[in-house]
């Protein structure tokens, strides 16, 4: 299984950052024919320059500083040979758009091959860092990634029965998986969809009015402004309901908005 299995075909000129993994350039270009690919490497050899020219990738030697540039960042080795993992993951989060995601991978410390070596008193970890899924989830959560998915890359056709008998869990065939691929999204799919439809300015106005209503700050007046904003910007009922479910916490405030909206002929399906 290849890390590019996480990448859906896209014919738009999206911005992509690929770090060091020149072997992925050809496949990435096939999946994203119009993408603006930035390839970052510390050793721009003639062979790499030739590949970048062939697959229309721009060579860069340092990360940009502006936020929300890339729809996709691929950094295969950041968890295996990198340093300052948390800081680097935060930086990638800063560079991703609201609908963007990071792809990486890690060597599984719970793999039977590792456990067997430990049983025999051997542990080889000269260059490659090993992780458990739970540690990677915690690290990505701390770096403010909202949705995390795993896919097996290298899996061995061996029995885990002995280790299960020892008391090891084998969820998702974790014991027989040597390498896990990771997709970490900046936002949940639901929130990303909400952010894609209207501008940041409109979403900020919508959020501010909803929070004022939620905390009973001139609730009636701000509800009227909310309705005016929806009419002016074309915010439809389903979008408004989803947005309310995402940002409003208190049930009483949701009920107030729902009841008042009905007087305007608007039907809002809200969570209880």
C-alpha atoms as a PDB file:
ATOM      1  CA  UNK A   1       0.000   0.000   0.000  1.00  0.00           C
ATOM      2  CA  UNK A   2       1.346   3.405  -1.015  1.00  0.00           C
ATOM      3  CA  UNK A   3       0.904   6.681   0.846  1.00  0.00           C
ATOM      4  CA  UNK A   4      -0.590   8.159  -2.347  1.00  0.00           C
ATOM      5  CA  UNK A   5      -3.628   5.905  -1.826  1.00  0.00           C
ATOM      6  CA  UNK A   6      -4.751   8.612   0.577  1.00  0.00           C
ATOM      7  CA  UNK A   7      -4.737  11.253  -2.202  1.00  0.00           C
ATOM      8  CA  UNK A   8      -8.009  11.621  -4.153  1.00  0.00           C
ATOM      9  CA  UNK A   9      -7.734  12.653  -7.829  1.00  0.00           C
ATOM     10  CA  UNK A  10      -8.053  16.396  -8.266  1.00  0.00           C
ATOM     11  CA  UNK A  11      -7.844  18.388 -11.506  1.00  0.00           C
ATOM     12  CA  UNK A  12      -7.655  21.809  -9.836  1.00  0.00           C
ATOM     13  CA  UNK A  13      -4.389  23.782  -9.451  1.00  0.00           C
ATOM     14  CA  UNK A  14      -4.083  23.086  -5.713  1.00  0.00           C
ATOM     15  CA  UNK A  15      -0.857  23.770  -3.809  1.00  0.00           C
ATOM     16  CA  UNK A  16       1.061  20.705  -2.625  1.00  0.00           C
ATOM     17  CA  UNK A  17       4.239  20.337  -0.579  1.00  0.00           C
ATOM     18  CA  UNK A  18       6.313  17.173  -0.980  1.00  0.00           C
ATOM     19  CA  UNK A  19       9.288  16.771   1.344  1.00  0.00           C
ATOM     20  CA  UNK A  20      12.310  14.667   0.288  1.00  0.00           C
ATOM     21  CA  UNK A  21      10.358  11.763  -1.251  1.00  0.00           C
ATOM     22  CA  UNK A  22      11.266  12.241  -4.914  1.00  0.00           C
ATOM     23  CA  UNK A  23      10.063   8.686  -5.678  1.00  0.00           C
ATOM     24  CA  UNK A  24       6.492   9.954  -5.212  1.00  0.00           C
ATOM     25  CA  UNK A  25       6.723  12.754  -7.783  1.00  0.00           C
ATOM     26  CA  UNK A  26       5.559  10.756 -10.781  1.00  0.00           C
ATOM     27  CA  UNK A  27       2.568   9.187  -9.033  1.00  0.00           C
ATOM     28  CA  UNK A  28       1.599  12.482  -7.436  1.00  0.00           C
ATOM     29  CA  UNK A  29       1.623  14.240 -10.796  1.00  0.00           C
ATOM     30  CA  UNK A  30      -0.613  11.539 -12.267  1.00  0.00           C
ATOM     31  CA  UNK A  31      -3.179  11.984  -9.495  1.00  0.00           C
ATOM     32  CA  UNK A  32      -2.932  15.801  -9.438  1.00  0.00           C
ATOM     33  CA  UNK A  33      -2.210  16.852 -13.029  1.00  0.00           C
ATOM     34  CA  UNK A  34      -2.744  20.588 -12.465  1.00  0.00           C
ATOM     35  CA  UNK A  35      -1.314  20.881  -8.950  1.00  0.00           C
ATOM     36  CA  UNK A  36       1.372  23.407  -8.025  1.00  0.00           C
ATOM     37  CA  UNK A  37       3.899  21.041  -6.433  1.00  0.00           C
ATOM     38  CA  UNK A  38       6.681  22.402  -4.250  1.00  0.00           C
ATOM     39  CA  UNK A  39       9.433  19.841  -3.657  1.00  0.00           C
ATOM     40  CA  UNK A  40      11.606  20.485  -0.616  1.00  0.00           C
ATOM     41  CA  UNK A  41      14.993  18.811  -0.240  1.00  0.00           C
ATOM     42  CA  UNK A  42      18.288  19.446   1.524  1.00  0.00           C
ATOM     43  CA  UNK A  43      20.255  17.860  -1.356  1.00  0.00           C
ATOM     44  CA  UNK A  44      19.083  19.116  -4.777  1.00  0.00           C
ATOM     45  CA  UNK A  45      21.146  16.689  -6.843  1.00  0.00           C
ATOM     46  CA  UNK A  46      21.138  16.835 -10.654  1.00  0.00           C
ATOM     47  CA  UNK A  47      18.896  13.754 -10.702  1.00  0.00           C
ATOM     48  CA  UNK A  48      16.353  15.415  -8.420  1.00  0.00           C
ATOM     49  CA  UNK A  49      16.434  18.611 -10.491  1.00  0.00           C
ATOM     50  CA  UNK A  50      15.777  16.538 -13.596  1.00  0.00           C
ATOM     51  CA  UNK A  51      12.801  14.833 -11.925  1.00  0.00           C
ATOM     52  CA  UNK A  52      11.382  18.172 -10.808  1.00  0.00           C
ATOM     53  CA  UNK A  53      11.633  19.523 -14.349  1.00  0.00           C
ATOM     54  CA  UNK A  54      10.027  16.400 -15.772  1.00  0.00           C
ATOM     55  CA  UNK A  55       7.072  16.444 -13.367  1.00  0.00           C
ATOM     56  CA  UNK A  56       6.725  20.239 -13.102  1.00  0.00           C
ATOM     57  CA  UNK A  57       7.691  20.652  -9.459  1.00  0.00           C
ATOM     58  CA  UNK A  58       9.325  23.732  -7.957  1.00  0.00           C
ATOM     59  CA  UNK A  59      12.436  23.093  -5.876  1.00  0.00           C
ATOM     60  CA  UNK A  60      12.508  24.880  -2.506  1.00  0.00           C
ATOM     61  CA  UNK A  61      15.018  24.693   0.337  1.00  0.00           C
ATOM     62  CA  UNK A  62      12.968  26.122   3.206  1.00  0.00           C
ATOM     63  CA  UNK A  63       9.364  26.255   4.327  1.00  0.00           C
ATOM     64  CA  UNK A  64       7.277  29.356   3.594  1.00  0.00           C
ATOM     65  CA  UNK A  65       6.018  31.402   6.547  1.00  0.00           C
ATOM     66  CA  UNK A  66       2.580  32.484   5.305  1.00  0.00           C
ATOM     67  CA  UNK A  67      -0.351  30.467   6.707  1.00  0.00           C
ATOM     68  CA  UNK A  68      -2.848  28.262   4.888  1.00  0.00           C
ATOM     69  CA  UNK A  69      -0.893  27.709   1.665  1.00  0.00           C
ATOM     70  CA  UNK A  70      -1.057  23.973   0.998  1.00  0.00           C
ATOM     71  CA  UNK A  71      -3.991  21.635   0.483  1.00  0.00           C
ATOM     72  CA  UNK A  72      -1.658  18.674   0.925  1.00  0.00           C
ATOM     73  CA  UNK A  73       1.677  18.137   2.661  1.00  0.00           C
ATOM     74  CA  UNK A  74       3.511  14.815   2.253  1.00  0.00           C
ATOM     75  CA  UNK A  75       6.340  14.270   4.723  1.00  0.00           C
ATOM     76  CA  UNK A  76       6.941  10.512   4.827  1.00  0.00           C
ATOM     77  CA  UNK A  77       9.903  10.498   7.187  1.00  0.00           C
ATOM     78  CA  UNK A  78       8.985  13.196   9.694  1.00  0.00           C
ATOM     79  CA  UNK A  79       8.060  10.605  12.372  1.00  0.00           C
ATOM     80  CA  UNK A  80      10.792   8.102  11.526  1.00  0.00           C
ATOM     81  CA  UNK A  81      13.961  10.158  11.174  1.00  0.00           C
ATOM     82  CA  UNK A  82      12.897  13.686  12.136  1.00  0.00           C
ATOM     83  CA  UNK A  83      13.397  15.702  15.301  1.00  0.00           C
ATOM     84  CA  UNK A  84      11.230  18.176  17.210  1.00  0.00           C
ATOM     85  CA  UNK A  85       8.146  16.268  16.084  1.00  0.00           C
ATOM     86  CA  UNK A  86       5.587  18.443  17.866  1.00  0.00           C
ATOM     87  CA  UNK A  87       7.048  21.723  16.603  1.00  0.00           C
ATOM     88  CA  UNK A  88       7.275  20.420  13.030  1.00  0.00           C
ATOM     89  CA  UNK A  89       3.703  19.119  13.058  1.00  0.00           C
ATOM     90  CA  UNK A  90       2.472  22.480  14.348  1.00  0.00           C
ATOM     91  CA  UNK A  91       4.333  24.212  11.526  1.00  0.00           C
ATOM     92  CA  UNK A  92       2.694  21.926   8.954  1.00  0.00           C
ATOM     93  CA  UNK A  93      -0.705  22.624  10.533  1.00  0.00           C
ATOM     94  CA  UNK A  94      -0.032  26.350  10.137  1.00  0.00           C
ATOM     95  CA  UNK A  95       0.767  25.837   6.448  1.00  0.00           C
ATOM     96  CA  UNK A  96      -2.340  23.752   5.676  1.00  0.00           C
ATOM     97  CA  UNK A  97      -5.586  25.247   4.431  1.00  0.00           C
ATOM     98  CA  UNK A  98      -8.717  24.519   6.453  1.00  0.00           C
ATOM     99  CA  UNK A  99      -9.539  21.589   4.165  1.00  0.00           C
ATOM    100  CA  UNK A 100      -5.913  20.446   3.907  1.00  0.00           C
ATOM    101  CA  UNK A 101      -4.233  17.335   5.286  1.00  0.00           C
ATOM    102  CA  UNK A 102      -0.826  15.890   6.114  1.00  0.00           C
ATOM    103  CA  UNK A 103       0.398  12.468   4.990  1.00  0.00           C
ATOM    104  CA  UNK A 104       3.182  10.657   6.820  1.00  0.00           C
ATOM    105  CA  UNK A 105       4.103   7.185   8.120  1.00  0.00           C
ATOM    106  CA  UNK A 106       5.737   5.456  11.084  1.00  0.00           C
ATOM    107  CA  UNK A 107       7.344   2.159  12.054  1.00  0.00           C
ATOM    108  CA  UNK A 108       5.151   0.249  14.489  1.00  0.00           C
ATOM    109  CA  UNK A 109       6.716  -0.589  17.867  1.00  0.00           C
ATOM    110  CA  UNK A 110       3.989  -3.232  18.407  1.00  0.00           C
ATOM    111  CA  UNK A 111       4.959  -5.169  15.283  1.00  0.00           C
ATOM    112  CA  UNK A 112       5.674  -8.820  16.067  1.00  0.00           C
ATOM    113  CA  UNK A 113       9.154  -8.543  14.548  1.00  0.00           C
ATOM    114  CA  UNK A 114      10.012  -5.835  17.090  1.00  0.00           C
ATOM    115  CA  UNK A 115       8.466  -7.768  19.979  1.00  0.00           C
ATOM    116  CA  UNK A 116      10.345 -10.923  19.020  1.00  0.00           C
ATOM    117  CA  UNK A 117      13.644  -9.024  18.937  1.00  0.00           C
ATOM    118  CA  UNK A 118      12.915  -7.647  22.410  1.00  0.00           C
ATOM    119  CA  UNK A 119      12.177 -11.153  23.687  1.00  0.00           C
ATOM    120  CA  UNK A 120      15.588 -12.222  22.403  1.00  0.00           C
ATOM    121  CA  UNK A 121      17.262  -9.250  24.070  1.00  0.00           C
ATOM    122  CA  UNK A 122      17.852  -7.319  20.832  1.00  0.00           C
ATOM    123  CA  UNK A 123      16.508  -3.908  19.878  1.00  0.00           C
ATOM    124  CA  UNK A 124      17.660  -2.250  16.670  1.00  0.00           C
ATOM    125  CA  UNK A 125      16.762   1.429  16.583  1.00  0.00           C
ATOM    126  CA  UNK A 126      19.823   3.115  15.151  1.00  0.00           C
ATOM    127  CA  UNK A 127      18.116   5.547  12.784  1.00  0.00           C
ATOM    128  CA  UNK A 128      14.388   4.874  12.625  1.00  0.00           C
ATOM    129  CA  UNK A 129      12.102   6.052  15.408  1.00  0.00           C
ATOM    130  CA  UNK A 130       9.368   3.575  16.438  1.00  0.00           C
ATOM    131  CA  UNK A 131       5.866   4.577  17.543  1.00  0.00           C
ATOM    132  CA  UNK A 132       2.640   3.030  18.754  1.00  0.00           C
ATOM    133  CA  UNK A 133      -0.605   4.213  17.201  1.00  0.00           C
ATOM    134  CA  UNK A 134      -1.801   5.689  20.483  1.00  0.00           C
ATOM    135  CA  UNK A 135       1.337   7.841  20.774  1.00  0.00           C
ATOM    136  CA  UNK A 136       0.938   9.131  17.230  1.00  0.00           C
ATOM    137  CA  UNK A 137      -2.710  10.004  17.878  1.00  0.00           C
ATOM    138  CA  UNK A 138      -1.742  11.894  21.048  1.00  0.00           C
ATOM    139  CA  UNK A 139       1.039  13.755  19.227  1.00  0.00           C
ATOM    140  CA  UNK A 140      -1.258  14.790  16.367  1.00  0.00           C
ATOM    141  CA  UNK A 141      -4.040  15.767  18.769  1.00  0.00           C
ATOM    142  CA  UNK A 142      -1.611  18.011  20.638  1.00  0.00           C
ATOM    143  CA  UNK A 143      -0.565  19.563  17.301  1.00  0.00           C
ATOM    144  CA  UNK A 144      -4.264  20.410  16.656  1.00  0.00           C
ATOM    145  CA  UNK A 145      -5.111  17.927  13.920  1.00  0.00           C
ATOM    146  CA  UNK A 146      -8.805  17.089  14.067  1.00  0.00           C
ATOM    147  CA  UNK A 147      -9.241  13.889  12.072  1.00  0.00           C
ATOM    148  CA  UNK A 148      -6.685  11.054  11.896  1.00  0.00           C
ATOM    149  CA  UNK A 149      -6.821   7.957   9.692  1.00  0.00           C
ATOM    150  CA  UNK A 150      -4.467   4.992   9.429  1.00  0.00           C
ATOM    151  CA  UNK A 151      -3.742   2.562   6.600  1.00  0.00           C
ATOM    152  CA  UNK A 152      -1.324  -0.404   6.687  1.00  0.00           C
ATOM    153  CA  UNK A 153       1.681  -0.082   4.393  1.00  0.00           C
ATOM    154  CA  UNK A 154       3.854  -3.116   5.181  1.00  0.00           C
ATOM    155  CA  UNK A 155       2.042  -6.087   6.708  1.00  0.00           C
ATOM    156  CA  UNK A 156       3.513  -9.551   7.369  1.00  0.00           C
ATOM    157  CA  UNK A 157       1.564 -12.765   6.746  1.00  0.00           C
ATOM    158  CA  UNK A 158       2.373 -14.274  10.142  1.00  0.00           C
ATOM    159  CA  UNK A 159       0.247 -15.474  13.054  1.00  0.00           C
ATOM    160  CA  UNK A 160      -0.283 -13.197  16.035  1.00  0.00           C
ATOM    161  CA  UNK A 161      -1.873 -15.965  18.130  1.00  0.00           C
ATOM    162  CA  UNK A 162       1.073 -16.408  20.494  1.00  0.00           C
ATOM    163  CA  UNK A 163       1.251 -12.706  21.310  1.00  0.00           C
ATOM    164  CA  UNK A 164      -2.517 -12.473  21.732  1.00  0.00           C
ATOM    165  CA  UNK A 165      -2.231 -15.325  24.241  1.00  0.00           C
ATOM    166  CA  UNK A 166       0.381 -13.234  26.063  1.00  0.00           C
ATOM    167  CA  UNK A 167      -2.279 -10.511  26.448  1.00  0.00           C
ATOM    168  CA  UNK A 168      -1.421  -8.208  23.515  1.00  0.00           C
ATOM    169  CA  UNK A 169      -4.404  -6.607  21.754  1.00  0.00           C
ATOM    170  CA  UNK A 170      -4.403  -6.989  17.977  1.00  0.00           C
ATOM    171  CA  UNK A 171      -6.817  -4.258  16.913  1.00  0.00           C
ATOM    172  CA  UNK A 172      -6.757  -3.657  13.156  1.00  0.00           C
ATOM    173  CA  UNK A 173      -4.059  -6.358  12.823  1.00  0.00           C
ATOM    174  CA  UNK A 174      -1.651  -4.004  14.566  1.00  0.00           C
ATOM    175  CA  UNK A 175       0.687  -6.825  15.627  1.00  0.00           C
ATOM    176  CA  UNK A 176       1.322  -7.904  12.031  1.00  0.00           C
ATOM    177  CA  UNK A 177       1.713  -4.367  10.620  1.00  0.00           C
ATOM    178  CA  UNK A 178       5.285  -3.148  10.300  1.00  0.00           C
ATOM    179  CA  UNK A 179       4.543   0.326   8.886  1.00  0.00           C
ATOM    180  CA  UNK A 180       1.421   2.453   9.280  1.00  0.00           C
ATOM    181  CA  UNK A 181       0.476   5.261   6.885  1.00  0.00           C
ATOM    182  CA  UNK A 182      -1.173   8.306   8.437  1.00  0.00           C
ATOM    183  CA  UNK A 183      -3.574  10.941   7.122  1.00  0.00           C
ATOM    184  CA  UNK A 184      -4.016  13.862   9.534  1.00  0.00           C
ATOM    185  CA  UNK A 185      -6.592  16.516   8.592  1.00  0.00           C
ATOM    186  CA  UNK A 186      -6.480  20.072   9.867  1.00  0.00           C
ATOM    187  CA  UNK A 187     -10.274  20.064  10.322  1.00  0.00           C
ATOM    188  CA  UNK A 188     -12.934  17.392  10.410  1.00  0.00           C
ATOM    189  CA  UNK A 189     -14.580  16.800   7.045  1.00  0.00           C
ATOM    190  CA  UNK A 190     -17.784  18.392   8.346  1.00  0.00           C
ATOM    191  CA  UNK A 191     -16.081  21.582   9.513  1.00  0.00           C
ATOM    192  CA  UNK A 192     -13.945  21.797   6.357  1.00  0.00           C
ATOM    193  CA  UNK A 193     -17.084  21.630   4.231  1.00  0.00           C
ATOM    194  CA  UNK A 194     -18.620  24.472   6.227  1.00  0.00           C
ATOM    195  CA  UNK A 195     -15.522  26.597   5.763  1.00  0.00           C
ATOM    196  CA  UNK A 196     -15.354  26.028   2.016  1.00  0.00           C
ATOM    197  CA  UNK A 197     -18.744  27.578   1.163  1.00  0.00           C
ATOM    198  CA  UNK A 198     -18.533  31.143   2.537  1.00  0.00           C
ATOM    199  CA  UNK A 199     -15.680  33.595   3.007  1.00  0.00           C
ATOM    200  CA  UNK A 200     -13.785  33.839   6.322  1.00  0.00           C
ATOM    201  CA  UNK A 201     -15.341  37.267   6.896  1.00  0.00           C
ATOM    202  CA  UNK A 202     -18.893  35.938   6.559  1.00  0.00           C
ATOM    203  CA  UNK A 203     -18.094  32.961   8.813  1.00  0.00           C
ATOM    204  CA  UNK A 204     -16.578  35.302  11.419  1.00  0.00           C
ATOM    205  CA  UNK A 205     -19.727  37.467  11.430  1.00  0.00           C
ATOM    206  CA  UNK A 206     -21.903  34.375  11.702  1.00  0.00           C
ATOM    207  CA  UNK A 207     -19.862  32.948  14.567  1.00  0.00           C
ATOM    208  CA  UNK A 208     -19.814  36.258  16.455  1.00  0.00           C
ATOM    209  CA  UNK A 209     -23.603  36.700  16.241  1.00  0.00           C
ATOM    210  CA  UNK A 210     -24.243  33.112  17.321  1.00  0.00           C
ATOM    211  CA  UNK A 211     -21.969  33.443  20.339  1.00  0.00           C
ATOM    212  CA  UNK A 212     -23.671  36.705  21.369  1.00  0.00           C
ATOM    213  CA  UNK A 213     -27.035  34.958  21.189  1.00  0.00           C
ATOM    214  CA  UNK A 214     -25.662  31.946  23.062  1.00  0.00           C
ATOM    215  CA  UNK A 215     -24.465  34.115  25.956  1.00  0.00           C
ATOM    216  CA  UNK A 216     -27.613  36.266  25.953  1.00  0.00           C
ATOM    217  CA  UNK A 217     -25.936  39.465  24.806  1.00  0.00           C
ATOM    218  CA  UNK A 218     -28.818  41.460  23.286  1.00  0.00           C
ATOM    219  CA  UNK A 219     -30.138  38.115  22.059  1.00  0.00           C
ATOM    220  CA  UNK A 220     -33.213  39.429  20.242  1.00  0.00           C
ATOM    221  CA  UNK A 221     -31.309  42.192  18.475  1.00  0.00           C
ATOM    222  CA  UNK A 222     -28.473  39.875  17.476  1.00  0.00           C
ATOM    223  CA  UNK A 223     -30.933  37.249  16.254  1.00  0.00           C
ATOM    224  CA  UNK A 224     -32.439  39.873  13.951  1.00  0.00           C
ATOM    225  CA  UNK A 225     -28.938  40.675  12.687  1.00  0.00           C
ATOM    226  CA  UNK A 226     -28.354  36.950  12.186  1.00  0.00           C
ATOM    227  CA  UNK A 227     -31.413  36.679   9.956  1.00  0.00           C
ATOM    228  CA  UNK A 228     -30.354  39.769   8.003  1.00  0.00           C
ATOM    229  CA  UNK A 229     -26.870  38.295   7.486  1.00  0.00           C
ATOM    230  CA  UNK A 230     -28.364  35.017   6.242  1.00  0.00           C
ATOM    231  CA  UNK A 231     -30.638  36.833   3.785  1.00  0.00           C
ATOM    232  CA  UNK A 232     -27.866  39.143   2.568  1.00  0.00           C
ATOM    233  CA  UNK A 233     -25.239  36.425   2.061  1.00  0.00           C
ATOM    234  CA  UNK A 234     -27.562  33.629   0.938  1.00  0.00           C
ATOM    235  CA  UNK A 235     -26.848  31.421   3.971  1.00  0.00           C
ATOM    236  CA  UNK A 236     -29.304  28.553   3.579  1.00  0.00           C
ATOM    237  CA  UNK A 237     -31.041  26.764   6.444  1.00  0.00           C
ATOM    238  CA  UNK A 238     -29.031  23.515   6.260  1.00  0.00           C
ATOM    239  CA  UNK A 239     -25.740  25.420   6.387  1.00  0.00           C
ATOM    240  CA  UNK A 240     -26.941  27.591   9.283  1.00  0.00           C
ATOM    241  CA  UNK A 241     -28.071  24.500  11.215  1.00  0.00           C
ATOM    242  CA  UNK A 242     -24.714  22.755  10.690  1.00  0.00           C
ATOM    243  CA  UNK A 243     -22.835  25.897  11.713  1.00  0.00           C
ATOM    244  CA  UNK A 244     -24.934  26.261  14.879  1.00  0.00           C
ATOM    245  CA  UNK A 245     -24.296  22.615  15.785  1.00  0.00           C
ATOM    246  CA  UNK A 246     -20.557  23.220  15.439  1.00  0.00           C
ATOM    247  CA  UNK A 247     -20.181  26.456  17.406  1.00  0.00           C
ATOM    248  CA  UNK A 248     -23.061  26.662  19.911  1.00  0.00           C
ATOM    249  CA  UNK A 249     -22.666  24.570  23.057  1.00  0.00           C
ATOM    250  CA  UNK A 250     -25.662  25.420  25.243  1.00  0.00           C
ATOM    251  CA  UNK A 251     -28.955  23.652  24.517  1.00  0.00           C
ATOM    252  CA  UNK A 252     -31.036  26.620  25.724  1.00  0.00           C
ATOM    253  CA  UNK A 253     -29.384  28.900  23.167  1.00  0.00           C
ATOM    254  CA  UNK A 254     -29.956  26.378  20.378  1.00  0.00           C
ATOM    255  CA  UNK A 255     -33.608  26.090  21.358  1.00  0.00           C
ATOM    256  CA  UNK A 256     -34.013  29.886  21.392  1.00  0.00           C
ATOM    257  CA  UNK A 257     -32.530  30.151  17.887  1.00  0.00           C
ATOM    258  CA  UNK A 258     -34.676  27.295  16.614  1.00  0.00           C
ATOM    259  CA  UNK A 259     -37.931  28.720  18.017  1.00  0.00           C
ATOM    260  CA  UNK A 260     -37.211  32.249  16.820  1.00  0.00           C
ATOM    261  CA  UNK A 261     -36.159  30.966  13.377  1.00  0.00           C
ATOM    262  CA  UNK A 262     -39.500  29.218  12.971  1.00  0.00           C
ATOM    263  CA  UNK A 263     -41.243  32.589  13.138  1.00  0.00           C
ATOM    264  CA  UNK A 264     -39.267  33.497  10.017  1.00  0.00           C
ATOM    265  CA  UNK A 265     -40.311  30.290   8.282  1.00  0.00           C
ATOM    266  CA  UNK A 266     -36.886  28.703   8.690  1.00  0.00           C
ATOM    267  CA  UNK A 267     -36.604  25.058   9.722  1.00  0.00           C
ATOM    268  CA  UNK A 268     -33.358  24.310  11.566  1.00  0.00           C
ATOM    269  CA  UNK A 269     -32.537  20.695  12.440  1.00  0.00           C
ATOM    270  CA  UNK A 270     -30.345  21.156  15.516  1.00  0.00           C
ATOM    271  CA  UNK A 271     -28.672  18.680  17.845  1.00  0.00           C
ATOM    272  CA  UNK A 272     -30.241  18.480  21.280  1.00  0.00           C
END
